N, C-alpha and C. Protein backbone atom coordinates (compact mmCIF):
# COMPACT_ATOMS: atom_id res chain seq x y z
N UNK A 1 -36.24 102.98 198.76
CA UNK A 1 -35.32 104.08 198.93
C UNK A 1 -36.12 105.38 198.94
N UNK A 2 -36.09 106.08 200.05
CA UNK A 2 -36.77 107.36 200.10
C UNK A 2 -35.73 108.47 199.99
N UNK A 3 -35.96 109.36 199.09
CA UNK A 3 -35.05 110.46 198.88
C UNK A 3 -35.63 111.72 199.51
N UNK A 4 -34.77 112.47 200.16
CA UNK A 4 -35.18 113.73 200.76
C UNK A 4 -35.30 114.76 199.64
N UNK A 5 -36.36 115.53 199.66
CA UNK A 5 -36.53 116.59 198.67
C UNK A 5 -36.30 117.93 199.37
N UNK A 6 -35.39 118.70 198.83
CA UNK A 6 -35.08 120.02 199.38
C UNK A 6 -35.35 121.04 198.29
N UNK A 7 -36.01 122.13 198.65
CA UNK A 7 -36.29 123.14 197.62
C UNK A 7 -35.00 123.76 197.10
N UNK A 8 -34.99 124.06 195.84
CA UNK A 8 -33.83 124.65 195.19
C UNK A 8 -34.06 126.16 195.09
N UNK A 9 -33.28 126.94 195.85
CA UNK A 9 -33.45 128.39 195.83
C UNK A 9 -33.07 128.93 194.46
N UNK A 10 -33.47 130.17 194.19
CA UNK A 10 -33.13 130.80 192.91
C UNK A 10 -31.62 130.86 192.72
N UNK A 11 -30.89 131.20 193.78
CA UNK A 11 -29.43 131.29 193.69
C UNK A 11 -28.82 129.94 193.35
N UNK A 12 -29.24 128.90 194.07
CA UNK A 12 -28.69 127.56 193.80
C UNK A 12 -29.04 127.12 192.39
N UNK A 13 -30.28 127.37 191.97
CA UNK A 13 -30.70 126.99 190.63
C UNK A 13 -29.84 127.71 189.59
N UNK A 14 -29.63 129.01 189.77
CA UNK A 14 -28.82 129.79 188.85
C UNK A 14 -27.38 129.26 188.82
N UNK A 15 -26.81 129.01 190.00
CA UNK A 15 -25.44 128.52 190.07
C UNK A 15 -25.29 127.15 189.41
N UNK A 16 -26.25 126.27 189.63
CA UNK A 16 -26.20 124.95 189.00
C UNK A 16 -26.36 125.04 187.48
N UNK A 17 -27.20 125.97 187.03
CA UNK A 17 -27.34 126.19 185.58
C UNK A 17 -26.01 126.65 184.98
N UNK A 18 -25.29 127.51 185.70
CA UNK A 18 -23.99 127.99 185.22
C UNK A 18 -23.00 126.83 185.14
N UNK A 19 -22.96 126.01 186.19
CA UNK A 19 -22.06 124.85 186.19
C UNK A 19 -22.39 123.93 185.01
N UNK A 20 -23.68 123.64 184.83
CA UNK A 20 -24.10 122.77 183.73
C UNK A 20 -23.71 123.38 182.38
N UNK A 21 -23.93 124.69 182.22
CA UNK A 21 -23.63 125.33 180.93
C UNK A 21 -22.13 125.36 180.64
N UNK A 22 -21.31 125.45 181.69
CA UNK A 22 -19.86 125.40 181.49
C UNK A 22 -19.43 124.06 180.89
N UNK A 23 -20.22 123.04 181.14
CA UNK A 23 -19.95 121.70 180.60
C UNK A 23 -20.72 121.45 179.30
N UNK A 24 -21.53 122.43 178.87
CA UNK A 24 -22.28 122.28 177.63
C UNK A 24 -23.63 121.60 177.79
N UNK A 25 -24.18 121.62 178.99
CA UNK A 25 -25.47 120.97 179.26
C UNK A 25 -26.42 121.95 179.92
N UNK A 26 -27.66 121.52 180.08
CA UNK A 26 -28.63 122.25 180.90
C UNK A 26 -28.79 121.47 182.21
N UNK A 27 -29.25 122.15 183.24
CA UNK A 27 -29.48 121.48 184.51
C UNK A 27 -30.52 120.38 184.35
N UNK A 28 -31.54 120.64 183.56
CA UNK A 28 -32.58 119.64 183.32
C UNK A 28 -31.98 118.37 182.73
N UNK A 29 -31.05 118.54 181.81
CA UNK A 29 -30.41 117.36 181.19
C UNK A 29 -29.58 116.59 182.22
N UNK A 30 -28.87 117.30 183.11
CA UNK A 30 -28.09 116.62 184.15
C UNK A 30 -28.98 115.82 185.08
N UNK A 31 -30.14 116.37 185.37
CA UNK A 31 -31.06 115.69 186.29
C UNK A 31 -31.70 114.48 185.64
N UNK A 32 -32.03 114.57 184.36
CA UNK A 32 -32.84 113.54 183.73
C UNK A 32 -32.09 112.47 182.95
N UNK A 33 -30.89 112.75 182.49
CA UNK A 33 -30.25 111.82 181.56
C UNK A 33 -29.28 110.87 182.22
N UNK A 34 -28.72 110.00 181.40
CA UNK A 34 -27.93 108.85 181.79
C UNK A 34 -26.54 109.06 182.35
N UNK A 35 -25.64 108.17 181.95
CA UNK A 35 -24.37 108.03 182.65
C UNK A 35 -23.14 108.25 181.79
N UNK A 36 -23.24 108.85 180.61
CA UNK A 36 -22.03 108.96 179.80
C UNK A 36 -21.06 109.98 180.41
N UNK A 37 -19.79 109.79 180.13
CA UNK A 37 -18.68 110.46 180.80
C UNK A 37 -18.81 111.94 181.08
N UNK A 38 -18.98 112.76 180.04
CA UNK A 38 -19.01 114.21 180.22
C UNK A 38 -20.20 114.63 181.08
N UNK A 39 -21.29 113.93 180.96
CA UNK A 39 -22.48 114.23 181.76
C UNK A 39 -22.20 113.94 183.24
N UNK A 40 -21.50 112.85 183.51
CA UNK A 40 -21.16 112.49 184.89
C UNK A 40 -20.21 113.49 185.52
N UNK A 41 -19.26 114.00 184.74
CA UNK A 41 -18.32 115.00 185.25
C UNK A 41 -19.08 116.27 185.62
N UNK A 42 -19.98 116.70 184.76
CA UNK A 42 -20.77 117.89 185.03
C UNK A 42 -21.64 117.69 186.27
N UNK A 43 -22.25 116.52 186.37
CA UNK A 43 -23.11 116.22 187.51
C UNK A 43 -22.28 116.21 188.80
N UNK A 44 -21.07 115.65 188.74
CA UNK A 44 -20.20 115.61 189.92
C UNK A 44 -19.86 117.02 190.40
N UNK A 45 -19.62 117.93 189.47
CA UNK A 45 -19.34 119.31 189.85
C UNK A 45 -20.55 119.94 190.55
N UNK A 46 -21.74 119.60 190.09
CA UNK A 46 -22.95 120.09 190.76
C UNK A 46 -23.08 119.49 192.15
N UNK A 47 -22.79 118.20 192.28
CA UNK A 47 -22.82 117.55 193.60
C UNK A 47 -21.86 118.26 194.55
N UNK A 48 -20.64 118.51 194.08
CA UNK A 48 -19.63 119.14 194.93
C UNK A 48 -20.06 120.53 195.36
N UNK A 49 -20.65 121.28 194.45
CA UNK A 49 -21.15 122.62 194.78
C UNK A 49 -22.20 122.53 195.89
N UNK A 50 -23.15 121.63 195.72
CA UNK A 50 -24.22 121.51 196.72
C UNK A 50 -23.69 121.04 198.07
N UNK A 51 -22.69 120.16 198.08
CA UNK A 51 -22.07 119.74 199.35
C UNK A 51 -21.43 120.94 200.05
N UNK A 52 -20.77 121.79 199.27
CA UNK A 52 -20.17 122.99 199.84
C UNK A 52 -21.22 123.94 200.41
N UNK A 53 -22.44 123.85 199.87
CA UNK A 53 -23.54 124.69 200.35
C UNK A 53 -24.27 124.07 201.54
N UNK A 54 -23.80 122.90 201.98
CA UNK A 54 -24.38 122.27 203.17
C UNK A 54 -25.45 121.23 202.91
N UNK A 55 -25.62 120.84 201.67
CA UNK A 55 -26.61 119.81 201.35
C UNK A 55 -26.09 118.45 201.77
N UNK A 56 -27.00 117.57 202.18
CA UNK A 56 -26.63 116.20 202.54
C UNK A 56 -26.63 115.34 201.28
N UNK A 57 -26.01 114.16 201.38
CA UNK A 57 -26.01 113.23 200.25
C UNK A 57 -27.43 112.85 199.83
N UNK A 58 -28.34 112.53 200.78
CA UNK A 58 -29.72 112.20 200.36
C UNK A 58 -30.44 113.37 199.70
N UNK A 59 -30.17 114.59 200.15
CA UNK A 59 -30.82 115.76 199.53
C UNK A 59 -30.34 115.95 198.09
N UNK A 60 -29.03 115.80 197.87
CA UNK A 60 -28.48 115.93 196.52
C UNK A 60 -29.01 114.80 195.63
N UNK A 61 -29.00 113.58 196.17
CA UNK A 61 -29.55 112.45 195.42
C UNK A 61 -30.99 112.67 195.04
N UNK A 62 -31.78 113.21 195.96
CA UNK A 62 -33.18 113.48 195.68
C UNK A 62 -33.36 114.48 194.54
N UNK A 63 -32.53 115.51 194.52
CA UNK A 63 -32.62 116.52 193.47
C UNK A 63 -32.29 115.93 192.10
N UNK A 64 -31.28 115.06 192.05
CA UNK A 64 -30.81 114.50 190.78
C UNK A 64 -31.43 113.14 190.47
N UNK A 65 -32.43 112.73 191.22
CA UNK A 65 -33.09 111.43 191.00
C UNK A 65 -32.10 110.28 191.05
N UNK A 66 -31.19 110.36 192.02
CA UNK A 66 -30.18 109.33 192.22
C UNK A 66 -30.21 108.90 193.68
N UNK A 67 -29.69 107.73 193.96
CA UNK A 67 -29.53 107.28 195.33
C UNK A 67 -28.40 108.08 195.98
N UNK A 68 -28.49 108.26 197.29
CA UNK A 68 -27.45 109.05 197.98
C UNK A 68 -26.07 108.41 197.86
N UNK A 69 -26.02 107.08 197.71
CA UNK A 69 -24.71 106.43 197.59
C UNK A 69 -24.04 106.78 196.26
N UNK A 70 -24.82 107.08 195.24
CA UNK A 70 -24.27 107.52 193.96
C UNK A 70 -23.51 108.82 194.15
N UNK A 71 -24.11 109.73 194.91
CA UNK A 71 -23.47 111.02 195.21
C UNK A 71 -22.23 110.79 196.06
N UNK A 72 -22.36 109.94 197.06
CA UNK A 72 -21.24 109.64 197.95
C UNK A 72 -20.04 109.10 197.17
N UNK A 73 -20.27 108.12 196.31
CA UNK A 73 -19.18 107.52 195.54
C UNK A 73 -18.59 108.50 194.53
N UNK A 74 -19.42 109.38 193.98
CA UNK A 74 -18.91 110.37 193.03
C UNK A 74 -17.96 111.35 193.70
N UNK A 75 -18.25 111.71 194.95
CA UNK A 75 -17.46 112.72 195.66
C UNK A 75 -16.39 112.15 196.56
N UNK A 76 -16.41 110.86 196.81
CA UNK A 76 -15.50 110.26 197.77
C UNK A 76 -14.02 110.55 197.49
N UNK A 77 -13.51 110.36 196.28
CA UNK A 77 -12.08 110.62 196.06
C UNK A 77 -11.70 112.08 196.37
N UNK A 78 -12.55 113.01 196.00
CA UNK A 78 -12.29 114.42 196.23
C UNK A 78 -12.27 114.74 197.73
N UNK A 79 -13.23 114.21 198.46
CA UNK A 79 -13.30 114.47 199.90
C UNK A 79 -12.17 113.76 200.64
N UNK A 80 -11.79 112.57 200.17
CA UNK A 80 -10.67 111.86 200.79
C UNK A 80 -9.38 112.66 200.60
N UNK A 81 -9.19 113.23 199.41
CA UNK A 81 -8.00 114.04 199.14
C UNK A 81 -8.00 115.30 200.00
N UNK A 82 -9.15 115.93 200.16
CA UNK A 82 -9.25 117.14 200.98
C UNK A 82 -8.88 116.82 202.43
N UNK A 83 -9.37 115.70 202.96
CA UNK A 83 -9.05 115.30 204.33
C UNK A 83 -7.56 115.00 204.47
N UNK A 84 -6.97 114.36 203.47
CA UNK A 84 -5.54 114.05 203.49
C UNK A 84 -4.72 115.34 203.52
N UNK A 85 -5.10 116.32 202.72
CA UNK A 85 -4.41 117.60 202.69
C UNK A 85 -4.51 118.32 204.03
N UNK A 86 -5.69 118.27 204.65
CA UNK A 86 -5.87 118.91 205.96
C UNK A 86 -4.98 118.25 207.01
N UNK A 87 -4.90 116.92 207.00
CA UNK A 87 -4.03 116.21 207.95
C UNK A 87 -2.58 116.59 207.73
N UNK A 88 -2.17 116.69 206.49
CA UNK A 88 -0.78 117.05 206.18
C UNK A 88 -0.46 118.45 206.66
N UNK A 89 -1.37 119.38 206.48
CA UNK A 89 -1.14 120.75 206.94
C UNK A 89 -1.05 120.82 208.46
N UNK A 90 -1.92 120.09 209.15
CA UNK A 90 -1.87 120.07 210.62
C UNK A 90 -0.54 119.50 211.10
N UNK A 91 -0.07 118.44 210.46
CA UNK A 91 1.21 117.84 210.83
C UNK A 91 2.35 118.83 210.58
N UNK A 92 2.28 119.54 209.48
CA UNK A 92 3.29 120.55 209.14
C UNK A 92 3.37 121.61 210.24
N UNK A 93 2.21 122.11 210.65
CA UNK A 93 2.20 123.17 211.68
C UNK A 93 2.62 122.63 213.04
N UNK A 94 2.24 121.39 213.34
CA UNK A 94 2.63 120.78 214.63
C UNK A 94 4.14 120.66 214.71
N UNK A 95 4.79 120.25 213.63
CA UNK A 95 6.25 120.11 213.60
C UNK A 95 6.94 121.44 213.90
N UNK A 96 6.31 122.52 213.52
CA UNK A 96 6.90 123.83 213.72
C UNK A 96 6.43 124.49 215.02
N UNK A 97 5.68 123.73 215.83
CA UNK A 97 5.25 124.23 217.13
C UNK A 97 4.14 125.26 217.08
N UNK A 98 3.41 125.27 215.99
CA UNK A 98 2.30 126.23 215.83
C UNK A 98 0.99 125.44 215.88
N UNK A 99 0.08 125.87 216.75
CA UNK A 99 -1.21 125.18 216.86
C UNK A 99 -2.02 125.43 215.60
N UNK A 100 -2.60 124.38 215.08
CA UNK A 100 -3.41 124.52 213.85
C UNK A 100 -4.87 124.60 214.20
């Protein structure tokens, strides 16, 4: 398994540190430690932030020393719900004759 390594800008590093601290952790701890519940929730929030910033699953996995499928499975329910909401909104607007 080869993981893509992407440099972490100062802004991204700062933002990830803030996310980690909101959960009571450091970014270093999120990157290096195991799988207990609260740690996974904090890590998932970091994954979601990086996806919003345009990072790929392999790039996020590389940063957190995880396989890209770990990132994919962590974010899948959230992204599936977002897609469902977008489809519902498009259907809503179509029913009213407004192009979405």
